N, C-alpha and C. Protein backbone atom coordinates (compact mmCIF):
# COMPACT_ATOMS: atom_id res chain seq x y z
N MET A 1 -12.56 0.27 48.91
CA MET A 1 -12.35 1.70 48.72
C MET A 1 -12.50 2.03 47.25
N GLN A 2 -13.31 3.02 46.95
CA GLN A 2 -13.49 3.48 45.59
C GLN A 2 -12.97 4.85 45.44
N PRO A 3 -12.48 5.19 44.27
CA PRO A 3 -12.12 6.63 44.06
C PRO A 3 -13.39 7.49 44.28
N ASN A 4 -13.20 8.71 44.61
CA ASN A 4 -14.37 9.58 44.89
C ASN A 4 -15.20 9.86 43.72
N ASP A 5 -14.73 9.61 42.53
CA ASP A 5 -15.51 9.84 41.30
C ASP A 5 -16.45 8.66 41.02
N PRO A 6 -17.76 8.88 41.05
CA PRO A 6 -18.71 7.79 40.85
C PRO A 6 -18.70 7.13 39.44
N ASP A 7 -18.10 7.83 38.52
CA ASP A 7 -18.03 7.31 37.13
C ASP A 7 -16.74 6.51 36.87
N PHE A 8 -15.95 6.29 37.88
CA PHE A 8 -14.70 5.56 37.70
C PHE A 8 -14.92 4.19 37.06
N ARG A 9 -15.87 3.38 37.63
CA ARG A 9 -16.08 2.05 37.09
C ARG A 9 -16.51 2.10 35.67
N ASP A 10 -17.36 3.04 35.31
CA ASP A 10 -17.79 3.11 33.91
C ASP A 10 -16.64 3.44 32.94
N ARG A 11 -15.70 4.30 33.43
CA ARG A 11 -14.52 4.62 32.60
C ARG A 11 -13.64 3.39 32.48
N VAL A 12 -13.46 2.60 33.56
CA VAL A 12 -12.67 1.40 33.52
C VAL A 12 -13.30 0.46 32.50
N TYR A 13 -14.65 0.29 32.54
CA TYR A 13 -15.30 -0.60 31.63
C TYR A 13 -15.03 -0.18 30.17
N ALA A 14 -15.14 1.12 29.89
CA ALA A 14 -14.96 1.62 28.51
C ALA A 14 -13.58 1.38 28.05
N ILE A 15 -12.60 1.55 28.92
CA ILE A 15 -11.20 1.32 28.53
C ILE A 15 -10.93 -0.16 28.24
N VAL A 16 -11.38 -1.03 29.13
CA VAL A 16 -11.19 -2.49 28.95
C VAL A 16 -11.91 -2.92 27.68
N ALA A 17 -13.11 -2.43 27.44
CA ALA A 17 -13.84 -2.86 26.23
C ALA A 17 -13.11 -2.45 24.96
N SER A 18 -12.25 -1.42 25.05
CA SER A 18 -11.56 -0.93 23.82
C SER A 18 -10.23 -1.67 23.56
N ILE A 19 -9.78 -2.50 24.43
CA ILE A 19 -8.46 -3.15 24.24
C ILE A 19 -8.64 -4.21 23.10
N PRO A 20 -7.87 -4.09 22.05
CA PRO A 20 -7.98 -5.00 20.91
C PRO A 20 -7.53 -6.42 21.23
N LYS A 21 -8.09 -7.36 20.53
CA LYS A 21 -7.65 -8.78 20.72
C LYS A 21 -6.14 -8.85 20.43
N GLY A 22 -5.46 -9.61 21.26
CA GLY A 22 -4.02 -9.83 21.11
C GLY A 22 -3.19 -8.73 21.74
N ARG A 23 -3.78 -7.70 22.33
CA ARG A 23 -3.04 -6.63 22.92
C ARG A 23 -3.41 -6.57 24.44
N LEU A 24 -2.63 -5.90 25.26
CA LEU A 24 -2.80 -5.94 26.74
C LEU A 24 -2.65 -4.55 27.32
N MET A 25 -3.21 -4.40 28.49
CA MET A 25 -2.97 -3.20 29.29
C MET A 25 -2.79 -3.68 30.73
N THR A 26 -2.17 -2.80 31.54
CA THR A 26 -1.96 -3.17 32.96
C THR A 26 -3.03 -2.46 33.80
N TYR A 27 -3.22 -2.98 35.01
CA TYR A 27 -4.21 -2.44 35.89
C TYR A 27 -3.89 -0.92 36.16
N GLY A 28 -2.53 -0.63 36.35
CA GLY A 28 -2.13 0.72 36.57
C GLY A 28 -2.41 1.63 35.41
N GLN A 29 -2.18 1.20 34.20
CA GLN A 29 -2.46 2.01 33.04
C GLN A 29 -3.95 2.35 32.97
N ILE A 30 -4.77 1.36 33.22
CA ILE A 30 -6.21 1.60 33.16
C ILE A 30 -6.62 2.59 34.25
N ALA A 31 -6.06 2.42 35.46
CA ALA A 31 -6.38 3.31 36.57
C ALA A 31 -6.04 4.75 36.16
N ALA A 32 -4.84 4.94 35.61
CA ALA A 32 -4.40 6.29 35.22
C ALA A 32 -5.30 6.89 34.17
N LEU A 33 -5.64 6.06 33.16
CA LEU A 33 -6.50 6.59 32.07
C LEU A 33 -7.90 6.88 32.60
N ALA A 34 -8.34 6.17 33.65
CA ALA A 34 -9.66 6.35 34.25
C ALA A 34 -9.69 7.54 35.22
N GLY A 35 -8.52 8.14 35.43
CA GLY A 35 -8.46 9.31 36.29
C GLY A 35 -7.95 9.14 37.69
N SER A 36 -7.56 7.95 38.04
CA SER A 36 -7.07 7.70 39.39
C SER A 36 -5.78 6.90 39.30
N PRO A 37 -4.61 7.52 39.04
CA PRO A 37 -3.40 6.83 38.74
C PRO A 37 -2.89 5.88 39.84
N ARG A 38 -3.37 6.06 41.05
CA ARG A 38 -2.89 5.15 42.14
C ARG A 38 -3.94 4.13 42.50
N ALA A 39 -4.87 3.88 41.65
CA ALA A 39 -5.97 2.98 41.91
C ALA A 39 -5.90 1.63 41.18
N ALA A 40 -4.69 1.14 40.96
CA ALA A 40 -4.59 -0.12 40.23
C ALA A 40 -5.28 -1.26 40.92
N ARG A 41 -5.20 -1.30 42.27
CA ARG A 41 -5.86 -2.37 42.99
C ARG A 41 -7.40 -2.25 42.88
N ILE A 42 -7.89 -0.98 42.82
CA ILE A 42 -9.32 -0.84 42.70
C ILE A 42 -9.74 -1.33 41.33
N VAL A 43 -8.94 -1.06 40.29
CA VAL A 43 -9.24 -1.63 38.95
C VAL A 43 -9.30 -3.14 39.06
N GLY A 44 -8.39 -3.77 39.82
CA GLY A 44 -8.45 -5.20 40.05
C GLY A 44 -9.77 -5.63 40.67
N GLY A 45 -10.26 -4.85 41.58
CA GLY A 45 -11.58 -5.15 42.22
C GLY A 45 -12.71 -4.98 41.25
N VAL A 46 -12.64 -3.99 40.38
CA VAL A 46 -13.65 -3.81 39.36
C VAL A 46 -13.61 -5.00 38.43
N ALA A 47 -12.43 -5.46 38.04
CA ALA A 47 -12.31 -6.62 37.22
C ALA A 47 -12.90 -7.86 37.88
N HIS A 48 -12.57 -8.03 39.13
CA HIS A 48 -12.97 -9.29 39.85
C HIS A 48 -14.53 -9.39 39.98
N PHE A 49 -15.14 -8.22 40.25
CA PHE A 49 -16.56 -8.21 40.51
C PHE A 49 -17.35 -7.58 39.36
N GLY A 50 -16.69 -7.19 38.27
CA GLY A 50 -17.33 -6.46 37.24
C GLY A 50 -17.95 -7.29 36.16
N ASP A 51 -18.38 -6.63 35.13
CA ASP A 51 -19.09 -7.22 33.98
C ASP A 51 -18.24 -8.32 33.35
N PRO A 52 -18.68 -9.58 33.42
CA PRO A 52 -17.89 -10.66 32.93
C PRO A 52 -17.84 -10.71 31.39
N SER A 53 -18.65 -9.93 30.72
CA SER A 53 -18.65 -9.95 29.28
C SER A 53 -17.48 -9.15 28.68
N LEU A 54 -16.78 -8.37 29.53
CA LEU A 54 -15.63 -7.61 29.08
C LEU A 54 -14.39 -8.41 28.92
N PRO A 55 -13.40 -8.04 28.08
CA PRO A 55 -12.22 -8.84 27.90
C PRO A 55 -11.18 -8.64 28.99
N TRP A 56 -11.53 -9.04 30.24
CA TRP A 56 -10.61 -8.88 31.35
C TRP A 56 -9.32 -9.66 31.19
N GLN A 57 -9.33 -10.72 30.34
CA GLN A 57 -8.11 -11.44 30.11
C GLN A 57 -7.00 -10.57 29.53
N ARG A 58 -7.36 -9.44 28.98
CA ARG A 58 -6.37 -8.51 28.36
C ARG A 58 -5.73 -7.57 29.34
N VAL A 59 -6.06 -7.75 30.62
CA VAL A 59 -5.50 -6.93 31.67
C VAL A 59 -4.60 -7.74 32.54
N VAL A 60 -3.29 -7.25 32.69
CA VAL A 60 -2.29 -7.97 33.42
C VAL A 60 -1.60 -7.03 34.46
N LYS A 61 -0.74 -7.62 35.21
CA LYS A 61 0.02 -6.84 36.18
C LYS A 61 1.11 -6.08 35.46
N LYS A 62 1.71 -5.06 36.11
CA LYS A 62 2.64 -4.23 35.40
C LYS A 62 3.91 -5.00 34.93
N ASP A 63 4.25 -6.11 35.61
CA ASP A 63 5.43 -6.85 35.16
C ASP A 63 5.06 -7.94 34.13
N GLY A 64 3.85 -7.94 33.73
CA GLY A 64 3.37 -8.94 32.72
C GLY A 64 2.89 -10.22 33.29
N SER A 65 2.89 -10.33 34.61
CA SER A 65 2.36 -11.57 35.21
C SER A 65 0.83 -11.55 35.24
N LEU A 66 0.28 -12.80 35.32
CA LEU A 66 -1.16 -12.93 35.18
C LEU A 66 -1.81 -12.86 36.54
N ALA A 67 -3.13 -12.68 36.57
CA ALA A 67 -3.89 -12.42 37.81
C ALA A 67 -4.33 -13.74 38.46
N GLU A 68 -4.05 -13.89 39.72
CA GLU A 68 -4.50 -15.05 40.50
C GLU A 68 -6.01 -14.99 40.65
N GLY A 69 -6.63 -13.79 40.69
CA GLY A 69 -8.05 -13.64 40.90
C GLY A 69 -8.89 -13.85 39.64
N TYR A 70 -8.26 -14.10 38.52
CA TYR A 70 -8.99 -14.33 37.28
C TYR A 70 -9.75 -15.65 37.47
N PRO A 71 -10.94 -15.85 36.85
CA PRO A 71 -11.64 -17.13 36.97
C PRO A 71 -10.74 -18.31 36.50
N GLY A 72 -10.51 -19.20 37.40
CA GLY A 72 -9.65 -20.30 37.06
C GLY A 72 -8.17 -19.99 37.42
N GLY A 73 -7.96 -18.91 38.12
CA GLY A 73 -6.60 -18.50 38.55
C GLY A 73 -5.72 -18.19 37.38
N THR A 74 -4.39 -18.24 37.65
CA THR A 74 -3.40 -17.93 36.55
C THR A 74 -3.54 -18.91 35.44
N GLU A 75 -3.94 -20.17 35.69
CA GLU A 75 -4.10 -21.10 34.60
C GLU A 75 -5.22 -20.68 33.68
N GLY A 76 -6.37 -20.24 34.27
CA GLY A 76 -7.49 -19.74 33.47
C GLY A 76 -7.17 -18.52 32.68
N HIS A 77 -6.40 -17.61 33.31
CA HIS A 77 -5.98 -16.40 32.68
C HIS A 77 -5.06 -16.76 31.45
N ALA A 78 -4.15 -17.67 31.68
CA ALA A 78 -3.26 -18.09 30.57
C ALA A 78 -4.01 -18.69 29.43
N ALA A 79 -4.97 -19.56 29.76
CA ALA A 79 -5.79 -20.22 28.73
C ALA A 79 -6.57 -19.22 27.92
N ALA A 80 -7.16 -18.22 28.60
CA ALA A 80 -7.95 -17.22 27.86
C ALA A 80 -7.08 -16.42 26.94
N LEU A 81 -5.88 -16.09 27.43
CA LEU A 81 -4.97 -15.28 26.52
C LEU A 81 -4.45 -16.11 25.37
N GLU A 82 -4.06 -17.40 25.65
CA GLU A 82 -3.60 -18.25 24.55
C GLU A 82 -4.68 -18.52 23.56
N ALA A 83 -5.93 -18.58 24.02
CA ALA A 83 -7.06 -18.77 23.03
C ALA A 83 -7.18 -17.64 22.04
N GLU A 84 -6.68 -16.44 22.38
CA GLU A 84 -6.73 -15.38 21.37
C GLU A 84 -5.32 -15.07 20.82
N GLY A 85 -4.40 -16.04 20.94
CA GLY A 85 -3.11 -15.96 20.28
C GLY A 85 -1.98 -15.29 21.05
N VAL A 86 -2.19 -14.97 22.30
CA VAL A 86 -1.16 -14.37 23.11
C VAL A 86 -0.28 -15.44 23.73
N SER A 87 1.04 -15.36 23.53
CA SER A 87 1.98 -16.36 24.08
C SER A 87 2.19 -16.07 25.60
N VAL A 88 2.07 -17.13 26.36
CA VAL A 88 2.23 -17.02 27.83
C VAL A 88 3.34 -18.00 28.22
N THR A 89 4.33 -17.49 28.98
CA THR A 89 5.39 -18.40 29.45
C THR A 89 5.51 -18.20 30.96
N ASP A 90 5.40 -19.28 31.68
CA ASP A 90 5.48 -19.24 33.15
C ASP A 90 4.53 -18.20 33.70
N TYR A 91 3.32 -18.22 33.19
CA TYR A 91 2.27 -17.32 33.66
C TYR A 91 2.66 -15.86 33.57
N ARG A 92 3.33 -15.51 32.51
CA ARG A 92 3.81 -14.17 32.23
C ARG A 92 3.73 -13.88 30.73
N VAL A 93 3.46 -12.67 30.38
CA VAL A 93 3.37 -12.25 28.96
C VAL A 93 4.46 -11.16 28.76
N ASP A 94 4.80 -10.95 27.50
CA ASP A 94 5.69 -9.90 27.09
C ASP A 94 4.98 -8.56 27.04
N ILE A 95 4.80 -7.95 28.17
CA ILE A 95 4.01 -6.70 28.25
C ILE A 95 4.65 -5.57 27.43
N ALA A 96 5.95 -5.54 27.37
CA ALA A 96 6.59 -4.47 26.55
C ALA A 96 6.21 -4.56 25.08
N ARG A 97 6.04 -5.83 24.57
CA ARG A 97 5.74 -5.98 23.17
C ARG A 97 4.22 -5.88 22.90
N LEU A 98 3.43 -6.26 23.87
CA LEU A 98 1.96 -6.34 23.69
C LEU A 98 1.16 -5.17 24.25
N VAL A 99 1.78 -4.30 24.99
CA VAL A 99 1.08 -3.20 25.58
C VAL A 99 0.32 -2.38 24.54
N TRP A 100 -0.89 -1.96 24.92
CA TRP A 100 -1.71 -1.14 24.04
C TRP A 100 -2.22 0.08 24.83
N LEU A 101 -2.12 1.20 24.15
CA LEU A 101 -2.71 2.42 24.68
C LEU A 101 -3.57 3.09 23.65
N PRO A 102 -4.72 3.69 24.06
CA PRO A 102 -5.58 4.36 23.05
C PRO A 102 -4.83 5.44 22.28
N ASN A 103 -5.31 5.75 21.15
CA ASN A 103 -4.69 6.84 20.33
C ASN A 103 -4.55 8.10 21.15
N GLY A 104 -3.38 8.75 21.02
CA GLY A 104 -3.12 9.99 21.72
C GLY A 104 -2.60 9.84 23.15
N VAL A 105 -2.41 8.64 23.61
CA VAL A 105 -1.91 8.37 24.96
C VAL A 105 -0.56 7.78 24.84
N GLU A 106 0.35 8.31 25.60
CA GLU A 106 1.72 7.77 25.66
C GLU A 106 2.09 7.30 27.05
């Protein structure tokens, strides 16, 4: 299921591309910023099947847990985050400390 807006995927791509190294966003935050606040699972689908050159490792679940669908599972997700300096404990990150939102968004 896709949101009715055909540009949704492109907006998701733009948001993910803008996440700085060492910072994180949740699937739900990205969905809301892309214009479909209830589409977190769709953002997950875009991540799973989307452009592999984007920093998908910087996208986590709302509770800070890592994605099982990431290449290599949660272990692969943890390794990718740790490679850019993000601390991962029990396949979870401190989302409250590391969350990032574009300027002007609260």
